[in-house]
Amino acid sequence: MGTTTSELLAASSDLLNVTAAFVAGLFISGALIWAVRFGMQVRDRESARPRPDEQPTLPLSGPVHEIREMREPDEMPHAAEERERLMPYELHHSASKRRQDQHRGRWDPGSSGSFGSGGLGHT
């Protein structure tokens, strides 16, 4: 039996699909190789990584620990005259300051109740 036109078209279509897939694969692999080479060039232009002796170290006094202290509001300073305005250098650095008395008040049993507890409150 002879080959029909539809069989020839199907065979040529399969060949065209395989060829297109091969060309696309070559293009993708070429793009990946180019990207790796480009990344290597960029990395070569970067500054060198720090050596082990250049790494940060602990201070001689040891690790820094958290400081726990009692704070109180730091009042806004008043201008000398009512019309005078305060300049930024006349203001304090933060909204709170270290309290003189660092003793932390503790709860005394029977001195207060929680809200809605029905307790006697402050006695």
PDB file of N, CA and C in Angstrom:
ATOM      1  N   MET A   1       0.830  -1.165   0.000  1.00  0.00           N
ATOM      2  CA  MET A   1       0.000   0.000   0.000  1.00  0.00           C
ATOM      3  C   MET A   1       0.882   1.238   0.000  1.00  0.00           C
ATOM      4  N   GLY A   2       0.380   2.243  -0.580  1.00  0.00           N
ATOM      5  CA  GLY A   2       1.143   3.482  -0.671  1.00  0.00           C
ATOM      6  C   GLY A   2       0.847   4.388   0.517  1.00  0.00           C
ATOM      7  N   THR A   3       1.741   5.280   0.744  1.00  0.00           N
ATOM      8  CA  THR A   3       1.539   6.224   1.842  1.00  0.00           C
ATOM      9  C   THR A   3       0.615   7.335   1.379  1.00  0.00           C
ATOM     10  N   THR A   4      -0.206   7.742   2.279  1.00  0.00           N
ATOM     11  CA  THR A   4      -1.147   8.804   1.930  1.00  0.00           C
ATOM     12  C   THR A   4      -0.566  10.146   2.331  1.00  0.00           C
ATOM     13  N   THR A   5      -1.175  11.170   1.899  1.00  0.00           N
ATOM     14  CA  THR A   5      -0.716  12.526   2.180  1.00  0.00           C
ATOM     15  C   THR A   5      -0.811  12.833   3.676  1.00  0.00           C
ATOM     16  N   SER A   6      -1.852  12.343   4.333  1.00  0.00           N
ATOM     17  CA  SER A   6      -2.001  12.619   5.757  1.00  0.00           C
ATOM     18  C   SER A   6      -0.893  11.947   6.571  1.00  0.00           C
ATOM     19  N   GLU A   7      -0.454  10.760   6.140  1.00  0.00           N
ATOM     20  CA  GLU A   7       0.643  10.100   6.847  1.00  0.00           C
ATOM     21  C   GLU A   7       1.945  10.865   6.670  1.00  0.00           C
ATOM     22  N   LEU A   8       2.162  11.423   5.496  1.00  0.00           N
ATOM     23  CA  LEU A   8       3.370  12.213   5.245  1.00  0.00           C
ATOM     24  C   LEU A   8       3.356  13.492   6.081  1.00  0.00           C
ATOM     25  N   LEU A   9       2.193  14.141   6.151  1.00  0.00           N
ATOM     26  CA  LEU A   9       2.084  15.358   6.954  1.00  0.00           C
ATOM     27  C   LEU A   9       2.301  15.070   8.437  1.00  0.00           C
ATOM     28  N   ALA A  10       1.771  13.933   8.933  1.00  0.00           N
ATOM     29  CA  ALA A  10       1.939  13.563  10.336  1.00  0.00           C
ATOM     30  C   ALA A  10       3.407  13.292  10.643  1.00  0.00           C
ATOM     31  N   ALA A  11       4.092  12.614   9.725  1.00  0.00           N
ATOM     32  CA  ALA A  11       5.500  12.304   9.928  1.00  0.00           C
ATOM     33  C   ALA A  11       6.337  13.583   9.910  1.00  0.00           C
ATOM     34  N   SER A  12       6.037  14.491   8.986  1.00  0.00           N
ATOM     35  CA  SER A  12       6.804  15.736   8.919  1.00  0.00           C
ATOM     36  C   SER A  12       6.487  16.618  10.132  1.00  0.00           C
ATOM     37  N   SER A  13       5.256  16.559  10.633  1.00  0.00           N
ATOM     38  CA  SER A  13       4.882  17.311  11.819  1.00  0.00           C
ATOM     39  C   SER A  13       5.640  16.789  13.036  1.00  0.00           C
ATOM     40  N   ASP A  14       5.767  15.469  13.160  1.00  0.00           N
ATOM     41  CA  ASP A  14       6.533  14.894  14.272  1.00  0.00           C
ATOM     42  C   ASP A  14       7.998  15.311  14.193  1.00  0.00           C
ATOM     43  N   LEU A  15       8.568  15.290  12.991  1.00  0.00           N
ATOM     44  CA  LEU A  15       9.957  15.695  12.810  1.00  0.00           C
ATOM     45  C   LEU A  15      10.135  17.168  13.168  1.00  0.00           C
ATOM     46  N   LEU A  16       9.163  17.987  12.763  1.00  0.00           N
ATOM     47  CA  LEU A  16       9.221  19.420  13.082  1.00  0.00           C
ATOM     48  C   LEU A  16       9.135  19.646  14.594  1.00  0.00           C
ATOM     49  N   ASN A  17       8.283  18.910  15.298  1.00  0.00           N
ATOM     50  CA  ASN A  17       8.151  19.033  16.758  1.00  0.00           C
ATOM     51  C   ASN A  17       9.436  18.631  17.462  1.00  0.00           C
ATOM     52  N   VAL A  18      10.042  17.549  17.030  1.00  0.00           N
ATOM     53  CA  VAL A  18      11.285  17.081  17.655  1.00  0.00           C
ATOM     54  C   VAL A  18      12.400  18.097  17.416  1.00  0.00           C
ATOM     55  N   THR A  19      12.467  18.634  16.210  1.00  0.00           N
ATOM     56  CA  THR A  19      13.498  19.628  15.885  1.00  0.00           C
ATOM     57  C   THR A  19      13.289  20.898  16.711  1.00  0.00           C
ATOM     58  N   ALA A  20      12.037  21.347  16.848  1.00  0.00           N
ATOM     59  CA  ALA A  20      11.750  22.553  17.633  1.00  0.00           C
ATOM     60  C   ALA A  20      12.110  22.340  19.104  1.00  0.00           C
ATOM     61  N   ALA A  21      11.811  21.182  19.655  1.00  0.00           N
ATOM     62  CA  ALA A  21      12.134  20.890  21.043  1.00  0.00           C
ATOM     63  C   ALA A  21      13.655  20.867  21.248  1.00  0.00           C
ATOM     64  N   PHE A  22      14.383  20.305  20.281  1.00  0.00           N
ATOM     65  CA  PHE A  22      15.833  20.248  20.375  1.00  0.00           C
ATOM     66  C   PHE A  22      16.431  21.652  20.334  1.00  0.00           C
ATOM     67  N   VAL A  23      15.945  22.495  19.420  1.00  0.00           N
ATOM     68  CA  VAL A  23      16.452  23.870  19.306  1.00  0.00           C
ATOM     69  C   VAL A  23      16.129  24.655  20.588  1.00  0.00           C
ATOM     70  N   ALA A  24      14.910  24.473  21.117  1.00  0.00           N
ATOM     71  CA  ALA A  24      14.546  25.160  22.362  1.00  0.00           C
ATOM     72  C   ALA A  24      15.438  24.699  23.508  1.00  0.00           C
ATOM     73  N   GLY A  25      15.745  23.417  23.581  1.00  0.00           N
ATOM     74  CA  GLY A  25      16.640  22.903  24.614  1.00  0.00           C
ATOM     75  C   GLY A  25      18.035  23.482  24.486  1.00  0.00           C
ATOM     76  N   LEU A  26      18.538  23.594  23.259  1.00  0.00           N
ATOM     77  CA  LEU A  26      19.851  24.214  23.055  1.00  0.00           C
ATOM     78  C   LEU A  26      19.838  25.679  23.488  1.00  0.00           C
ATOM     79  N   PHE A  27      18.748  26.372  23.152  1.00  0.00           N
ATOM     80  CA  PHE A  27      18.646  27.787  23.538  1.00  0.00           C
ATOM     81  C   PHE A  27      18.635  27.942  25.055  1.00  0.00           C
ATOM     82  N   ILE A  28      17.850  27.124  25.753  1.00  0.00           N
ATOM     83  CA  ILE A  28      17.757  27.206  27.213  1.00  0.00           C
ATOM     84  C   ILE A  28      19.086  26.848  27.867  1.00  0.00           C
ATOM     85  N   SER A  29      19.741  25.792  27.387  1.00  0.00           N
ATOM     86  CA  SER A  29      21.028  25.430  27.990  1.00  0.00           C
ATOM     87  C   SER A  29      22.074  26.506  27.722  1.00  0.00           C
ATOM     88  N   GLY A  30      22.051  27.127  26.547  1.00  0.00           N
ATOM     89  CA  GLY A  30      22.968  28.233  26.254  1.00  0.00           C
ATOM     90  C   GLY A  30      22.708  29.425  27.175  1.00  0.00           C
ATOM     91  N   ALA A  31      21.427  29.720  27.422  1.00  0.00           N
ATOM     92  CA  ALA A  31      21.088  30.828  28.313  1.00  0.00           C
ATOM     93  C   ALA A  31      21.559  30.538  29.735  1.00  0.00           C
ATOM     94  N   LEU A  32      21.429  29.303  30.197  1.00  0.00           N
ATOM     95  CA  LEU A  32      21.887  28.943  31.543  1.00  0.00           C
ATOM     96  C   LEU A  32      23.405  29.048  31.659  1.00  0.00           C
ATOM     97  N   ILE A  33      24.114  28.588  30.638  1.00  0.00           N
ATOM     98  CA  ILE A  33      25.582  28.686  30.653  1.00  0.00           C
ATOM     99  C   ILE A  33      26.003  30.143  30.679  1.00  0.00           C
ATOM    100  N   TRP A  34      25.340  30.990  29.863  1.00  0.00           N
ATOM    101  CA  TRP A  34      25.656  32.423  29.859  1.00  0.00           C
ATOM    102  C   TRP A  34      25.387  33.038  31.231  1.00  0.00           C
ATOM    103  N   ALA A  35      24.282  32.678  31.884  1.00  0.00           N
ATOM    104  CA  ALA A  35      23.933  33.242  33.184  1.00  0.00           C
ATOM    105  C   ALA A  35      24.966  32.861  34.240  1.00  0.00           C
ATOM    106  N   VAL A  36      25.448  31.628  34.204  1.00  0.00           N
ATOM    107  CA  VAL A  36      26.460  31.192  35.174  1.00  0.00           C
ATOM    108  C   VAL A  36      27.764  31.957  34.945  1.00  0.00           C
ATOM    109  N   ARG A  37      28.175  32.100  33.703  1.00  0.00           N
ATOM    110  CA  ARG A  37      29.411  32.835  33.411  1.00  0.00           C
ATOM    111  C   ARG A  37      29.283  34.299  33.819  1.00  0.00           C
ATOM    112  N   PHE A  38      28.125  34.902  33.557  1.00  0.00           N
ATOM    113  CA  PHE A  38      27.883  36.290  33.952  1.00  0.00           C
ATOM    114  C   PHE A  38      27.939  36.434  35.471  1.00  0.00           C
ATOM    115  N   GLY A  39      27.337  35.491  36.194  1.00  0.00           N
ATOM    116  CA  GLY A  39      27.379  35.516  37.657  1.00  0.00           C
ATOM    117  C   GLY A  39      28.791  35.383  38.189  1.00  0.00           C
ATOM    118  N   MET A  40      29.602  34.565  37.547  1.00  0.00           N
ATOM    119  CA  MET A  40      30.994  34.410  37.973  1.00  0.00           C
ATOM    120  C   MET A  40      31.775  35.707  37.753  1.00  0.00           C
ATOM    121  N   GLN A  41      31.505  36.398  36.643  1.00  0.00           N
ATOM    122  CA  GLN A  41      32.182  37.674  36.388  1.00  0.00           C
ATOM    123  C   GLN A  41      31.773  38.720  37.423  1.00  0.00           C
ATOM    124  N   VAL A  42      30.497  38.763  37.757  1.00  0.00           N
ATOM    125  CA  VAL A  42      30.025  39.713  38.762  1.00  0.00           C
ATOM    126  C   VAL A  42      30.667  39.413  40.108  1.00  0.00           C
ATOM    127  N   ARG A  43      30.754  38.144  40.468  1.00  0.00           N
ATOM    128  CA  ARG A  43      31.347  37.757  41.749  1.00  0.00           C
ATOM    129  C   ARG A  43      32.837  38.100  41.801  1.00  0.00           C
ATOM    130  N   ASP A  44      33.521  37.987  40.657  1.00  0.00           N
ATOM    131  CA  ASP A  44      34.942  38.337  40.617  1.00  0.00           C
ATOM    132  C   ASP A  44      35.161  39.827  40.849  1.00  0.00           C
ATOM    133  N   ARG A  45      34.182  40.667  40.463  1.00  0.00           N
ATOM    134  CA  ARG A  45      34.319  42.115  40.643  1.00  0.00           C
ATOM    135  C   ARG A  45      34.010  42.554  42.069  1.00  0.00           C
ATOM    136  N   GLU A  46      33.348  41.716  42.852  1.00  0.00           N
ATOM    137  CA  GLU A  46      32.998  42.062  44.229  1.00  0.00           C
ATOM    138  C   GLU A  46      34.246  42.083  45.103  1.00  0.00           C
ATOM    139  N   SER A  47      34.131  42.800  46.238  1.00  0.00           N
ATOM    140  CA  SER A  47      35.251  42.821  47.168  1.00  0.00           C
ATOM    141  C   SER A  47      35.400  41.444  47.814  1.00  0.00           C
ATOM    142  N   ALA A  48      36.592  41.183  48.292  1.00  0.00           N
ATOM    143  CA  ALA A  48      36.879  39.863  48.869  1.00  0.00           C
ATOM    144  C   ALA A  48      36.113  39.660  50.167  1.00  0.00           C
ATOM    145  N   ARG A  49      35.810  38.438  50.467  1.00  0.00           N
ATOM    146  CA  ARG A  49      35.118  38.111  51.702  1.00  0.00           C
ATOM    147  C   ARG A  49      36.092  38.270  52.882  1.00  0.00           C
ATOM    148  N   PRO A  50      35.578  38.636  54.056  1.00  0.00           N
ATOM    149  CA  PRO A  50      36.485  38.834  55.201  1.00  0.00           C
ATOM    150  C   PRO A  50      37.143  37.527  55.633  1.00  0.00           C
ATOM    151  N   ARG A  51      38.393  37.657  56.018  1.00  0.00           N
ATOM    152  CA  ARG A  51      39.128  36.493  56.518  1.00  0.00           C
ATOM    153  C   ARG A  51      38.654  36.187  57.934  1.00  0.00           C
ATOM    154  N   PRO A  52      38.952  34.995  58.463  1.00  0.00           N
ATOM    155  CA  PRO A  52      38.522  34.662  59.827  1.00  0.00           C
ATOM    156  C   PRO A  52      39.030  35.639  60.880  1.00  0.00           C
ATOM    157  N   ASP A  53      40.227  36.183  60.696  1.00  0.00           N
ATOM    158  CA  ASP A  53      40.736  37.133  61.695  1.00  0.00           C
ATOM    159  C   ASP A  53      40.071  38.505  61.574  1.00  0.00           C
ATOM    160  N   GLU A  54      39.340  38.757  60.492  1.00  0.00           N
ATOM    161  CA  GLU A  54      38.629  40.023  60.323  1.00  0.00           C
ATOM    162  C   GLU A  54      37.176  39.954  60.800  1.00  0.00           C
ATOM    163  N   GLN A  55      36.748  38.801  61.253  1.00  0.00           N
ATOM    164  CA  GLN A  55      35.369  38.628  61.719  1.00  0.00           C
ATOM    165  C   GLN A  55      35.177  39.350  63.052  1.00  0.00           C
ATOM    166  N   PRO A  56      33.946  39.784  63.346  1.00  0.00           N
ATOM    167  CA  PRO A  56      33.691  40.450  64.630  1.00  0.00           C
ATOM    168  C   PRO A  56      33.970  39.526  65.805  1.00  0.00           C
ATOM    169  N   THR A  57      34.448  40.096  66.889  1.00  0.00           N
ATOM    170  CA  THR A  57      34.746  39.310  68.089  1.00  0.00           C
ATOM    171  C   THR A  57      34.047  39.941  69.291  1.00  0.00           C
ATOM    172  N   LEU A  58      33.922  39.184  70.361  1.00  0.00           N
ATOM    173  CA  LEU A  58      33.336  39.696  71.596  1.00  0.00           C
ATOM    174  C   LEU A  58      34.276  40.709  72.235  1.00  0.00           C
ATOM    175  N   PRO A  59      33.738  41.705  72.933  1.00  0.00           N
ATOM    176  CA  PRO A  59      34.614  42.614  73.668  1.00  0.00           C
ATOM    177  C   PRO A  59      35.350  41.876  74.780  1.00  0.00           C
ATOM    178  N   LEU A  60      36.426  42.457  75.250  1.00  0.00           N
ATOM    179  CA  LEU A  60      37.214  41.810  76.300  1.00  0.00           C
ATOM    180  C   LEU A  60      36.403  41.618  77.572  1.00  0.00           C
ATOM    181  N   SER A  61      35.417  42.503  77.804  1.00  0.00           N
ATOM    182  CA  SER A  61      34.596  42.399  79.018  1.00  0.00           C
ATOM    183  C   SER A  61      33.542  41.297  78.915  1.00  0.00           C
ATOM    184  N   GLY A  62      33.426  40.669  77.783  1.00  0.00           N
ATOM    185  CA  GLY A  62      32.449  39.605  77.611  1.00  0.00           C
ATOM    186  C   GLY A  62      31.215  40.099  76.879  1.00  0.00           C
ATOM    187  N   PRO A  63      30.220  39.249  76.765  1.00  0.00           N
ATOM    188  CA  PRO A  63      29.024  39.652  76.035  1.00  0.00           C
ATOM    189  C   PRO A  63      28.264  40.757  76.774  1.00  0.00           C
ATOM    190  N   VAL A  64      27.593  41.586  76.005  1.00  0.00           N
ATOM    191  CA  VAL A  64      26.814  42.678  76.575  1.00  0.00           C
ATOM    192  C   VAL A  64      25.457  42.114  76.987  1.00  0.00           C
ATOM    193  N   HIS A  65      25.029  42.455  78.190  1.00  0.00           N
ATOM    194  CA  HIS A  65      23.770  41.931  78.705  1.00  0.00           C
ATOM    195  C   HIS A  65      22.737  43.045  78.800  1.00  0.00           C
ATOM    196  N   GLU A  66      21.513  42.613  78.926  1.00  0.00           N
ATOM    197  CA  GLU A  66      20.408  43.548  79.057  1.00  0.00           C
ATOM    198  C   GLU A  66      20.467  44.233  80.410  1.00  0.00           C
ATOM    199  N   ILE A  67      20.159  45.524  80.423  1.00  0.00           N
ATOM    200  CA  ILE A  67      20.114  46.282  81.676  1.00  0.00           C
ATOM    201  C   ILE A  67      18.649  46.509  82.013  1.00  0.00           C
ATOM    202  N   ARG A  68      18.272  46.176  83.223  1.00  0.00           N
ATOM    203  CA  ARG A  68      16.903  46.369  83.665  1.00  0.00           C
ATOM    204  C   ARG A  68      16.899  47.489  84.685  1.00  0.00           C
ATOM    205  N   GLU A  69      16.106  48.534  84.415  1.00  0.00           N
ATOM    206  CA  GLU A  69      16.043  49.654  85.329  1.00  0.00           C
ATOM    207  C   GLU A  69      14.644  50.244  85.317  1.00  0.00           C
ATOM    208  N   MET A  70      14.314  50.930  86.380  1.00  0.00           N
ATOM    209  CA  MET A  70      13.024  51.601  86.491  1.00  0.00           C
ATOM    210  C   MET A  70      13.143  52.962  85.806  1.00  0.00           C
ATOM    211  N   ARG A  71      12.128  53.301  84.987  1.00  0.00           N
ATOM    212  CA  ARG A  71      12.122  54.564  84.260  1.00  0.00           C
ATOM    213  C   ARG A  71      10.939  55.406  84.695  1.00  0.00           C
ATOM    214  N   GLU A  72      11.033  56.699  84.498  1.00  0.00           N
ATOM    215  CA  GLU A  72       9.919  57.593  84.779  1.00  0.00           C
ATOM    216  C   GLU A  72       9.851  58.622  83.652  1.00  0.00           C
ATOM    217  N   PRO A  73       8.687  59.256  83.466  1.00  0.00           N
ATOM    218  CA  PRO A  73       8.565  60.228  82.365  1.00  0.00           C
ATOM    219  C   PRO A  73       9.513  61.401  82.547  1.00  0.00           C
ATOM    220  N   ASP A  74      10.069  61.842  81.465  1.00  0.00           N
ATOM    221  CA  ASP A  74      10.942  63.007  81.482  1.00  0.00           C
ATOM    222  C   ASP A  74      10.118  64.183  80.970  1.00  0.00           C
ATOM    223  N   GLU A  75       9.846  65.119  81.857  1.00  0.00           N
ATOM    224  CA  GLU A  75       8.973  66.238  81.518  1.00  0.00           C
ATOM    225  C   GLU A  75       9.608  67.129  80.467  1.00  0.00           C
ATOM    226  N   MET A  76       8.752  67.734  79.667  1.00  0.00           N
ATOM    227  CA  MET A  76       9.191  68.668  78.639  1.00  0.00           C
ATOM    228  C   MET A  76       9.690  69.939  79.312  1.00  0.00           C
ATOM    229  N   PRO A  77      10.885  70.414  78.968  1.00  0.00           N
ATOM    230  CA  PRO A  77      11.376  71.645  79.596  1.00  0.00           C
ATOM    231  C   PRO A  77      10.534  72.841  79.142  1.00  0.00           C
ATOM    232  N   HIS A  78      10.375  73.792  80.023  1.00  0.00           N
ATOM    233  CA  HIS A  78       9.612  74.998  79.713  1.00  0.00           C
ATOM    234  C   HIS A  78      10.565  76.102  79.271  1.00  0.00           C
ATOM    235  N   ALA A  79      10.091  76.910  78.343  1.00  0.00           N
ATOM    236  CA  ALA A  79      10.893  78.041  77.869  1.00  0.00           C
ATOM    237  C   ALA A  79      10.950  79.099  78.972  1.00  0.00           C
ATOM    238  N   ALA A  80      12.004  79.903  78.953  1.00  0.00           N
ATOM    239  CA  ALA A  80      12.178  80.930  79.982  1.00  0.00           C
ATOM    240  C   ALA A  80      11.049  81.955  79.903  1.00  0.00           C
ATOM    241  N   GLU A  81      10.719  82.385  78.710  1.00  0.00           N
ATOM    242  CA  GLU A  81       9.618  83.322  78.527  1.00  0.00           C
ATOM    243  C   GLU A  81       8.526  82.632  77.716  1.00  0.00           C
ATOM    244  N   GLU A  82       7.333  83.187  77.813  1.00  0.00           N
ATOM    245  CA  GLU A  82       6.220  82.547  77.124  1.00  0.00           C
ATOM    246  C   GLU A  82       6.368  82.620  75.614  1.00  0.00           C
ATOM    247  N   ARG A  83       6.970  83.659  75.089  1.00  0.00           N
ATOM    248  CA  ARG A  83       7.115  83.838  73.645  1.00  0.00           C
ATOM    249  C   ARG A  83       8.341  83.098  73.096  1.00  0.00           C
ATOM    250  N   GLU A  84       9.248  82.761  73.948  1.00  0.00           N
ATOM    251  CA  GLU A  84      10.485  82.105  73.507  1.00  0.00           C
ATOM    252  C   GLU A  84      10.171  80.671  73.085  1.00  0.00           C
ATOM    253  N   ARG A  85      10.878  80.195  72.092  1.00  0.00           N
ATOM    254  CA  ARG A  85      10.624  78.832  71.650  1.00  0.00           C
ATOM    255  C   ARG A  85      11.848  77.974  71.938  1.00  0.00           C
ATOM    256  N   LEU A  86      11.599  76.691  72.186  1.00  0.00           N
ATOM    257  CA  LEU A  86      12.695  75.764  72.490  1.00  0.00           C
ATOM    258  C   LEU A  86      13.334  75.275  71.201  1.00  0.00           C
ATOM    259  N   MET A  87      14.629  75.166  71.228  1.00  0.00           N
ATOM    260  CA  MET A  87      15.362  74.645  70.081  1.00  0.00           C
ATOM    261  C   MET A  87      15.580  73.146  70.273  1.00  0.00           C
ATOM    262  N   PRO A  88      15.823  72.402  69.193  1.00  0.00           N
ATOM    263  CA  PRO A  88      15.988  70.949  69.307  1.00  0.00           C
ATOM    264  C   PRO A  88      17.102  70.530  70.260  1.00  0.00           C
ATOM    265  N   TYR A  89      18.173  71.302  70.346  1.00  0.00           N
ATOM    266  CA  TYR A  89      19.274  70.929  71.235  1.00  0.00           C
ATOM    267  C   TYR A  89      18.922  71.143  72.703  1.00  0.00           C
ATOM    268  N   GLU A  90      17.814  71.832  72.983  1.00  0.00           N
ATOM    269  CA  GLU A  90      17.390  72.046  74.359  1.00  0.00           C
ATOM    270  C   GLU A  90      16.467  70.932  74.859  1.00  0.00           C
ATOM    271  N   LEU A  91      16.025  70.065  73.953  1.00  0.00           N
ATOM    272  CA  LEU A  91      15.145  68.961  74.332  1.00  0.00           C
ATOM    273  C   LEU A  91      15.970  67.758  74.763  1.00  0.00           C
ATOM    274  N   HIS A  92      15.354  66.851  75.487  1.00  0.00           N
ATOM    275  CA  HIS A  92      16.045  65.640  75.938  1.00  0.00           C
ATOM    276  C   HIS A  92      16.031  64.586  74.846  1.00  0.00           C
ATOM    277  N   HIS A  93      16.908  63.620  74.979  1.00  0.00           N
ATOM    278  CA  HIS A  93      17.052  62.593  73.946  1.00  0.00           C
ATOM    279  C   HIS A  93      15.913  61.589  73.937  1.00  0.00           C
ATOM    280  N   SER A  94      15.320  61.335  75.073  1.00  0.00           N
ATOM    281  CA  SER A  94      14.239  60.352  75.110  1.00  0.00           C
ATOM    282  C   SER A  94      13.113  60.876  75.978  1.00  0.00           C
ATOM    283  N   ALA A  95      11.977  60.190  75.935  1.00  0.00           N
ATOM    284  CA  ALA A  95      10.802  60.639  76.668  1.00  0.00           C
ATOM    285  C   ALA A  95      10.802  60.157  78.109  1.00  0.00           C
ATOM    286  N   SER A  96      11.792  59.380  78.492  1.00  0.00           N
ATOM    287  CA  SER A  96      11.843  58.897  79.865  1.00  0.00           C
ATOM    288  C   SER A  96      13.266  59.023  80.396  1.00  0.00           C
ATOM    289  N   LYS A  97      13.378  58.982  81.702  1.00  0.00           N
ATOM    290  CA  LYS A  97      14.693  59.074  82.330  1.00  0.00           C
ATOM    291  C   LYS A  97      14.788  58.028  83.439  1.00  0.00           C
ATOM    292  N   ARG A  98      15.996  57.766  83.886  1.00  0.00           N
ATOM    293  CA  ARG A  98      16.226  56.772  84.934  1.00  0.00           C
ATOM    294  C   ARG A  98      15.672  57.304  86.254  1.00  0.00           C
ATOM    295  N   ARG A  99      14.901  56.473  86.941  1.00  0.00           N
ATOM    296  CA  ARG A  99      14.333  56.886  88.220  1.00  0.00           C
ATOM    297  C   ARG A  99      15.403  56.828  89.297  1.00  0.00           C
ATOM    298  N   GLN A 100      15.376  57.796  90.217  1.00  0.00           N
ATOM    299  CA  GLN A 100      16.356  57.829  91.298  1.00  0.00           C
ATOM    300  C   GLN A 100      16.224  56.594  92.175  1.00  0.00           C
ATOM    301  N   ASP A 101      14.993  56.262  92.550  1.00  0.00           N
ATOM    302  CA  ASP A 101      14.741  55.098  93.393  1.00  0.00           C
ATOM    303  C   ASP A 101      14.570  53.886  92.482  1.00  0.00           C
ATOM    304  N   GLN A 102      15.535  52.988  92.468  1.00  0.00           N
ATOM    305  CA  GLN A 102      15.476  51.817  91.608  1.00  0.00           C
ATOM    306  C   GLN A 102      14.784  50.639  92.277  1.00  0.00           C
ATOM    307  N   HIS A 103      14.258  50.827  93.488  1.00  0.00           N
ATOM    308  CA  HIS A 103      13.546  49.760  94.180  1.00  0.00           C
ATOM    309  C   HIS A 103      12.209  49.539  93.492  1.00  0.00           C
ATOM    310  N   ARG A 104      11.968  48.308  93.128  1.00  0.00           N
ATOM    311  CA  ARG A 104      10.723  47.982  92.441  1.00  0.00           C
ATOM    312  C   ARG A 104       9.680  47.595  93.473  1.00  0.00           C
ATOM    313  N   GLY A 105       8.579  48.330  93.490  1.00  0.00           N
ATOM    314  CA  GLY A 105       7.508  48.042  94.439  1.00  0.00           C
ATOM    315  C   GLY A 105       6.868  46.697  94.146  1.00  0.00           C
ATOM    316  N   ARG A 106       6.645  45.916  95.172  1.00  0.00           N
ATOM    317  CA  ARG A 106       6.032  44.598  95.026  1.00  0.00           C
ATOM    318  C   ARG A 106       4.600  44.632  95.500  1.00  0.00           C
ATOM    319  N   TRP A 107       3.844  43.701  95.037  1.00  0.00           N
ATOM    320  CA  TRP A 107       2.448  43.601  95.425  1.00  0.00           C
ATOM    321  C   TRP A 107       2.357  43.009  96.815  1.00  0.00           C
ATOM    322  N   ASP A 108       1.593  43.682  97.658  1.00  0.00           N
ATOM    323  CA  ASP A 108       1.356  43.184  99.002  1.00  0.00           C
ATOM    324  C   ASP A 108      -0.007  42.509  99.036  1.00  0.00           C
ATOM    325  N   PRO A 109      -0.059  41.258  99.503  1.00  0.00           N
ATOM    326  CA  PRO A 109      -1.366  40.587  99.563  1.00  0.00           C
ATOM    327  C   PRO A 109      -2.344  41.384 100.424  1.00  0.00           C
ATOM    328  N   GLY A 110      -3.562  41.544  99.910  1.00  0.00           N
ATOM    329  CA  GLY A 110      -4.599  42.251 100.642  1.00  0.00           C
ATOM    330  C   GLY A 110      -4.564  43.755 100.446  1.00  0.00           C
ATOM    331  N   SER A 111      -3.571  44.279  99.735  1.00  0.00           N
ATOM    332  CA  SER A 111      -3.511  45.733  99.573  1.00  0.00           C
ATOM    333  C   SER A 111      -4.375  46.203  98.413  1.00  0.00           C
ATOM    334  N   SER A 112      -4.669  45.331  97.464  1.00  0.00           N
ATOM    335  CA  SER A 112      -5.521  45.719  96.340  1.00  0.00           C
ATOM    336  C   SER A 112      -6.066  44.463  95.695  1.00  0.00           C
ATOM    337  N   GLY A 113      -7.151  44.628  94.974  1.00  0.00           N
ATOM    338  CA  GLY A 113      -7.728  43.512  94.240  1.00  0.00           C
ATOM    339  C   GLY A 113      -7.714  43.835  92.764  1.00  0.00           C
ATOM    340  N   SER A 114      -7.854  42.826  91.959  1.00  0.00           N
ATOM    341  CA  SER A 114      -7.887  43.103  90.536  1.00  0.00           C
ATOM    342  C   SER A 114      -9.244  43.670  90.171  1.00  0.00           C
ATOM    343  N   PHE A 115      -9.333  44.263  89.019  1.00  0.00           N
ATOM    344  CA  PHE A 115     -10.564  44.914  88.586  1.00  0.00           C
ATOM    345  C   PHE A 115     -11.693  43.900  88.529  1.00  0.00           C
ATOM    346  N   GLY A 116     -12.795  44.210  89.203  1.00  0.00           N
ATOM    347  CA  GLY A 116     -13.970  43.357  89.156  1.00  0.00           C
ATOM    348  C   GLY A 116     -13.874  42.119  90.025  1.00  0.00           C
ATOM    349  N   SER A 117     -12.858  42.039  90.883  1.00  0.00           N
ATOM    350  CA  SER A 117     -12.713  40.827  91.686  1.00  0.00           C
ATOM    351  C   SER A 117     -13.666  40.814  92.884  1.00  0.00           C
ATOM    352  N   GLY A 118     -14.200  41.966  93.196  1.00  0.00           N
ATOM    353  CA  GLY A 118     -15.082  42.031  94.363  1.00  0.00           C
ATOM    354  C   GLY A 118     -14.318  42.119  95.651  1.00  0.00           C
ATOM    355  N   GLY A 119     -13.004  42.280  95.568  1.00  0.00           N
ATOM    356  CA  GLY A 119     -12.203  42.377  96.771  1.00  0.00           C
ATOM    357  C   GLY A 119     -12.406  43.695  97.488  1.00  0.00           C
ATOM    358  N   LEU A 120     -11.762  43.837  98.615  1.00  0.00           N
ATOM    359  CA  LEU A 120     -11.906  45.031  99.417  1.00  0.00           C
ATOM    360  C   LEU A 120     -11.131  46.213  98.856  1.00  0.00           C
ATOM    361  N   GLY A 121     -10.231  45.944  97.952  1.00  0.00           N
ATOM    362  CA  GLY A 121      -9.426  47.037  97.421  1.00  0.00           C
ATOM    363  C   GLY A 121      -8.349  47.425  98.386  1.00  0.00           C
ATOM    364  N   HIS A 122      -7.946  48.674  98.345  1.00  0.00           N
ATOM    365  CA  HIS A 122      -6.858  49.156  99.183  1.00  0.00           C
ATOM    366  C   HIS A 122      -7.357  49.301 100.625  1.00  0.00           C
ATOM    367  N   THR A 123      -6.711  48.635 101.554  1.00  0.00           N
ATOM    368  CA  THR A 123      -7.146  48.674 102.954  1.00  0.00           C
ATOM    369  C   THR A 123      -6.120  49.340 103.823  1.00  0.00           C
TER     370      THR A 123
END
